[in-house]
Amino acid sequence: MNIRNIIKYWRVTLTVAEMTVRHQLNDSFIVFAVLIQPMLIAILALFMLKEKGTDYAMFVVVGSGLTGLWSSLLFVSGNSINVERWSGTLETLVGVPTPFEVIVFGKNLASVAQSLLSMVVSYALAALFFGYSLHVDQPLMFIASVLLTVFAFVSFGLIIAPIFVMYRGVQQWQNALEFPVYILAGFLFPIALLPFWTVPISYVLPPYWAAIALHGTTTGAAPLEETFFAWGLMLVFSIVDLFIASRLFKFMLYKVRVDATLDTE
C-alpha cells in the first residue's frame, strides 16, 4: 500500500473507520484499554508527582495518553486481521475490489484516533481532581504532532497486523510487548533514566519520537529543532512502515488466494 492508494480510497477508509468505532464502543476490552487503563496510570503518576508542578503533570497527561495509543495499536490494530479470520470474513474481504490494506488502514485509523480520548480523560483528571491548571504552550505544533503521531502509529500497525495473522508464534508475545514499550519510548519518564544500552532500541521505535514531539510541544521546553527532527523521523518511519506493510500484505494475500493456507495454520 502507498499514500496514493490511501488518497484514492479515502471514502472507503472513512467508512471502515466509522463502522469500526461503532463496533468498538460496545467492546468492554477496548474501552478498558483505551480509557480505563490510561486513566489508572494517570491517577497513580499524578498522585506520585503532585508536588512537582504543572510541567510534570502535563508530561503525565501526554504520557498516559500515549499508553492508550500503544495499547490500542498493539491489541486492537494488531488483531484487526485476526478478528476477520476468527469471524470467517477474511476470505470475503480479500475478494472485494477495494485493496485489503485500505480496509485494514481504516480499521487501524479508527482504533488509534479513538485512543486519543485517553489523553482527554487524563487532562480532565489532572484538572478536576488534582487542581492543575494545564495548557499547551505550542498548540499548533501540538496539533501537528498529534496528526503525525496518528499517521505513524497507523502505519506501524499495518506491519503488526499481517505479522500477527501469519506468524502465530509472534502473537504469543503480544502481552509482553505492552509495558516494555511504555518504558523504552519514554512515555512517563525520560529514557535518560534507563541503562545506556537500551537507548538504541528507543531510537528505532516510532512511539519514542511521537513522545518527544508531544512532550516537547505541550511544555514548550524542547527546542524547535528537536521537535522538527522528531517530526521528520516519524515521517521517515511511516514511509518505511508503509513500504514493508505493502510487501507483507502481498505475501499474506498470496497465502489466502493461492495457497489457501492462512486460515488453517
Protein backbone atom coordinates (compact mmCIF):
# COMPACT_ATOMS: atom_id res chain seq x y z
CA MET A 1 0.00 0.00 0.00
CA ASN A 2 1.18 3.54 -0.73
CA ILE A 3 -0.02 7.05 0.02
CA ARG A 4 -1.59 7.42 -3.44
CA ASN A 5 -3.84 4.44 -2.80
CA ILE A 6 -4.85 5.82 0.59
CA ILE A 7 -5.96 9.10 -1.01
CA LYS A 8 -7.77 7.27 -3.80
CA TYR A 9 -9.74 5.13 -1.40
CA TRP A 10 -10.31 7.74 1.31
CA ARG A 11 -14.08 7.25 1.29
CA VAL A 12 -13.67 3.56 1.98
CA THR A 13 -11.15 4.34 4.70
CA LEU A 14 -13.51 6.74 6.45
CA THR A 15 -16.48 4.37 6.14
CA VAL A 16 -14.49 1.49 7.59
CA ALA A 17 -13.23 3.78 10.37
CA GLU A 18 -16.78 4.83 11.26
CA MET A 19 -18.04 1.25 11.36
CA THR A 20 -15.04 0.20 13.45
CA VAL A 21 -15.66 2.93 16.02
CA ARG A 22 -19.32 1.93 16.33
CA HIS A 23 -18.31 -1.66 16.93
CA GLN A 24 -15.50 -0.90 19.37
CA LEU A 25 -17.64 1.31 21.58
CA ASN A 26 -19.52 -1.86 22.57
CA ASP A 27 -16.36 -3.84 23.33
CA SER A 28 -15.50 -3.76 27.03
CA PHE A 29 -11.88 -4.81 26.45
CA ILE A 30 -11.28 -1.91 24.08
CA VAL A 31 -12.97 0.54 26.44
CA PHE A 32 -10.67 -0.68 29.21
CA ALA A 33 -7.52 -0.42 27.06
CA VAL A 34 -8.40 3.00 25.66
CA LEU A 35 -9.93 4.71 28.70
CA ILE A 36 -9.73 2.81 31.99
CA GLN A 37 -6.12 1.65 31.94
CA PRO A 38 -4.63 5.03 30.88
CA MET A 39 -6.82 6.68 33.50
CA LEU A 40 -5.42 4.40 36.22
CA ILE A 41 -1.87 5.09 35.05
CA ALA A 42 -2.56 8.83 35.07
CA ILE A 43 -4.04 8.74 38.59
CA LEU A 44 -1.05 6.87 40.02
CA ALA A 45 1.50 9.06 38.26
CA LEU A 46 -0.25 12.32 39.14
CA PHE A 47 -0.53 11.25 42.77
CA MET A 48 3.20 10.48 42.94
CA LEU A 49 4.15 13.76 41.22
CA LYS A 50 1.53 16.02 42.80
CA GLU A 51 4.19 18.26 44.40
CA LYS A 52 6.32 18.60 41.25
CA GLY A 53 4.36 21.26 39.39
CA THR A 54 2.39 21.76 36.19
CA ASP A 55 5.09 20.69 33.73
CA TYR A 56 5.33 17.26 35.34
CA ALA A 57 1.55 16.94 35.33
CA MET A 58 1.38 17.77 31.62
CA PHE A 59 4.11 15.23 30.97
CA VAL A 60 1.97 12.60 32.71
CA VAL A 61 -1.17 13.63 30.83
CA VAL A 62 0.53 13.21 27.47
CA GLY A 63 2.36 10.06 28.54
CA SER A 64 -0.72 8.29 29.84
CA GLY A 65 -2.49 9.18 26.60
CA LEU A 66 0.37 7.60 24.68
CA THR A 67 -0.02 4.40 26.71
CA GLY A 68 -3.60 4.23 25.46
CA LEU A 69 -2.41 4.77 21.90
CA TRP A 70 0.16 1.98 22.13
CA SER A 71 -2.22 -0.47 23.83
CA SER A 72 -4.81 0.18 21.15
CA LEU A 73 -2.23 -0.28 18.41
CA LEU A 74 -0.86 -3.48 19.90
CA PHE A 75 -4.10 -5.25 20.82
CA VAL A 76 -6.76 -3.73 18.58
CA SER A 77 -4.88 -2.79 15.43
CA GLY A 78 -2.60 -5.80 15.79
CA ASN A 79 -5.62 -8.11 15.79
CA SER A 80 -7.55 -6.21 13.10
CA ILE A 81 -6.97 -9.01 10.56
CA ASN A 82 -7.20 -11.84 13.07
CA VAL A 83 -10.68 -10.64 14.06
CA GLU A 84 -11.81 -11.09 10.47
CA ARG A 85 -10.22 -14.55 10.37
CA TRP A 86 -11.95 -15.55 13.61
CA SER A 87 -15.26 -14.21 12.27
CA GLY A 88 -14.91 -16.09 8.98
CA THR A 89 -14.98 -12.87 6.91
CA LEU A 90 -11.29 -12.71 5.93
CA GLU A 91 -11.75 -14.54 2.62
CA THR A 92 -14.69 -12.30 1.68
CA LEU A 93 -12.79 -9.10 2.39
CA VAL A 94 -9.74 -10.08 0.36
CA GLY A 95 -12.04 -10.82 -2.57
CA VAL A 96 -13.68 -7.38 -2.79
CA PRO A 97 -12.37 -4.83 -5.36
CA THR A 98 -11.06 -2.50 -2.65
CA PRO A 99 -7.48 -3.41 -1.66
CA PHE A 100 -7.47 -5.23 1.65
CA GLU A 101 -4.76 -2.98 3.09
CA VAL A 102 -7.07 0.04 2.63
CA ILE A 103 -9.70 -1.69 4.77
CA VAL A 104 -7.14 -2.50 7.45
CA PHE A 105 -5.84 1.07 7.31
CA GLY A 106 -9.36 2.33 8.06
CA LYS A 107 -9.72 -0.11 10.97
CA ASN A 108 -6.37 0.94 12.41
CA LEU A 109 -7.12 4.63 11.92
CA ALA A 110 -10.31 4.26 13.95
CA SER A 111 -8.52 2.42 16.75
CA VAL A 112 -5.66 4.92 17.04
CA ALA A 113 -7.84 8.02 16.68
CA GLN A 114 -10.27 6.70 19.27
CA SER A 115 -7.37 6.20 21.66
CA LEU A 116 -6.79 9.96 21.73
CA LEU A 117 -9.71 10.02 24.17
CA SER A 118 -7.32 8.67 26.80
CA MET A 119 -5.36 11.92 26.64
CA VAL A 120 -8.55 13.94 27.10
CA VAL A 121 -9.54 11.78 30.09
CA SER A 122 -6.09 12.24 31.67
CA TYR A 123 -6.32 16.01 31.15
CA ALA A 124 -9.72 16.09 32.86
CA LEU A 125 -8.40 14.06 35.80
CA ALA A 126 -5.45 16.39 36.27
CA ALA A 127 -7.63 19.48 36.11
CA LEU A 128 -10.64 18.32 38.14
CA PHE A 129 -9.22 16.03 40.80
CA PHE A 130 -5.67 17.29 41.25
CA GLY A 131 -6.29 21.00 40.73
CA TYR A 132 -3.78 21.56 37.93
CA SER A 133 -4.32 24.43 35.52
CA LEU A 134 -2.95 22.85 32.37
CA HIS A 135 -2.32 24.41 28.99
CA VAL A 136 -0.42 23.57 25.82
CA ASP A 137 2.42 26.01 25.20
CA GLN A 138 2.56 25.38 21.44
CA PRO A 139 -0.99 24.45 20.39
CA LEU A 140 -0.50 24.48 16.61
CA MET A 141 2.68 22.43 16.82
CA PHE A 142 0.96 20.11 19.27
CA ILE A 143 -1.89 19.51 16.80
CA ALA A 144 0.65 18.81 14.06
CA SER A 145 2.44 16.40 16.38
CA VAL A 146 -0.82 14.59 17.15
CA LEU A 147 -1.61 14.19 13.44
CA LEU A 148 1.87 12.87 12.68
CA THR A 149 1.62 10.56 15.69
CA VAL A 150 -1.66 9.09 14.46
CA PHE A 151 -0.18 8.55 11.00
CA ALA A 152 2.98 6.96 12.42
CA PHE A 153 1.02 4.65 14.72
CA VAL A 154 -1.41 3.59 11.98
CA SER A 155 1.49 2.88 9.61
CA PHE A 156 3.25 0.84 12.29
CA GLY A 157 0.01 -1.05 12.90
CA LEU A 158 -0.07 -2.10 9.24
CA ILE A 159 3.11 -4.08 9.89
CA ILE A 160 1.92 -5.66 13.13
CA ALA A 161 -1.47 -6.85 11.81
CA PRO A 162 -0.25 -9.15 8.99
CA ILE A 163 2.64 -10.45 11.13
CA PHE A 164 0.24 -11.46 13.90
CA VAL A 165 -2.03 -13.32 11.50
CA MET A 166 0.74 -15.08 9.56
CA TYR A 167 3.09 -15.92 12.40
CA ARG A 168 1.09 -17.08 15.39
CA GLY A 169 4.23 -17.56 17.49
CA VAL A 170 4.91 -13.82 17.37
CA GLN A 171 1.43 -13.03 18.66
CA GLN A 172 2.15 -15.03 21.80
CA TRP A 173 4.46 -12.17 22.78
CA GLN A 174 1.67 -9.62 22.41
CA ASN A 175 1.07 -9.09 26.13
CA ALA A 176 4.80 -8.96 26.83
CA LEU A 177 5.29 -6.07 24.37
CA GLU A 178 2.97 -3.62 26.11
CA PHE A 179 4.85 -2.33 29.16
CA PRO A 180 8.41 -2.52 27.75
CA VAL A 181 7.40 -0.02 25.05
CA TYR A 182 5.88 2.26 27.71
CA ILE A 183 9.36 2.35 29.25
CA LEU A 184 11.59 2.34 26.17
CA ALA A 185 9.54 5.02 24.39
CA GLY A 186 9.74 7.41 27.34
CA PHE A 187 6.00 7.80 27.77
CA LEU A 188 6.07 8.59 31.50
CA PHE A 189 9.74 9.38 32.19
CA PRO A 190 12.80 10.28 30.06
CA ILE A 191 14.86 7.43 28.64
CA ALA A 192 17.94 9.10 30.14
CA LEU A 193 17.00 7.25 33.33
CA LEU A 194 17.39 3.90 31.57
CA PRO A 195 20.61 1.91 31.04
CA PHE A 196 22.70 3.22 28.17
CA TRP A 197 22.40 0.01 26.13
CA THR A 198 18.62 0.49 25.81
CA VAL A 199 18.91 3.88 24.06
CA PRO A 200 19.42 2.48 20.51
CA ILE A 201 16.26 0.39 20.97
CA SER A 202 14.31 3.54 21.84
CA TYR A 203 15.61 5.34 18.77
CA VAL A 204 14.15 2.77 16.37
CA LEU A 205 10.69 2.87 17.96
CA PRO A 206 8.26 5.31 16.24
CA PRO A 207 6.35 5.79 19.56
CA TYR A 208 9.53 7.25 21.09
CA TRP A 209 9.68 10.07 18.54
CA ALA A 210 5.95 10.63 18.97
CA ALA A 211 6.55 11.06 22.71
CA ILE A 212 9.41 13.50 22.03
CA ALA A 213 7.23 15.66 19.77
CA LEU A 214 4.16 15.62 22.02
CA HIS A 215 6.04 16.21 25.27
CA GLY A 216 8.09 19.00 23.70
CA THR A 217 5.14 20.89 22.23
CA THR A 218 2.98 20.67 25.36
CA THR A 219 5.56 22.10 27.77
CA GLY A 220 7.50 24.22 25.27
CA ALA A 221 10.71 23.01 26.89
CA ALA A 222 12.14 21.32 23.79
CA PRO A 223 13.98 23.33 21.10
CA LEU A 224 12.17 23.67 17.77
CA GLU A 225 14.97 21.74 16.08
CA GLU A 226 14.28 18.74 18.31
CA THR A 227 10.58 18.80 17.51
CA PHE A 228 11.19 19.14 13.78
CA PHE A 229 13.68 16.28 13.94
CA ALA A 230 11.09 14.10 15.68
CA TRP A 231 8.53 15.00 13.01
CA GLY A 232 10.96 14.09 10.27
CA LEU A 233 11.77 10.73 11.79
CA MET A 234 8.08 9.94 12.28
CA LEU A 235 7.53 10.62 8.57
CA VAL A 236 10.53 8.52 7.61
CA PHE A 237 9.41 5.63 9.80
CA SER A 238 5.87 5.92 8.42
CA ILE A 239 7.07 5.70 4.81
CA VAL A 240 9.31 2.75 5.63
CA ASP A 241 6.47 1.05 7.52
CA LEU A 242 4.09 1.51 4.58
CA PHE A 243 6.66 0.02 2.20
CA ILE A 244 7.24 -3.00 4.45
CA ALA A 245 3.49 -3.38 5.03
CA SER A 246 2.82 -3.47 1.28
CA ARG A 247 5.19 -6.45 0.94
CA LEU A 248 3.67 -8.20 3.95
CA PHE A 249 0.15 -7.77 2.59
CA LYS A 250 1.15 -9.18 -0.79
CA PHE A 251 2.60 -12.25 0.89
CA MET A 252 -0.43 -12.63 3.14
CA LEU A 253 -2.88 -12.29 0.24
CA TYR A 254 -0.93 -14.92 -1.68
CA LYS A 255 -1.43 -17.31 1.23
CA VAL A 256 -5.17 -16.53 1.19
CA ARG A 257 -5.85 -16.58 -2.55
CA VAL A 258 -3.34 -19.08 -3.91
CA ASP A 259 -2.17 -21.36 -1.12
CA ALA A 260 -5.45 -21.19 0.81
CA THR A 261 -3.44 -21.96 3.92
CA LEU A 262 -3.77 -18.82 6.01
CA ASP A 263 -6.87 -19.94 7.85
CA THR A 264 -5.56 -23.41 8.56
CA GLU A 265 -2.23 -22.58 10.26
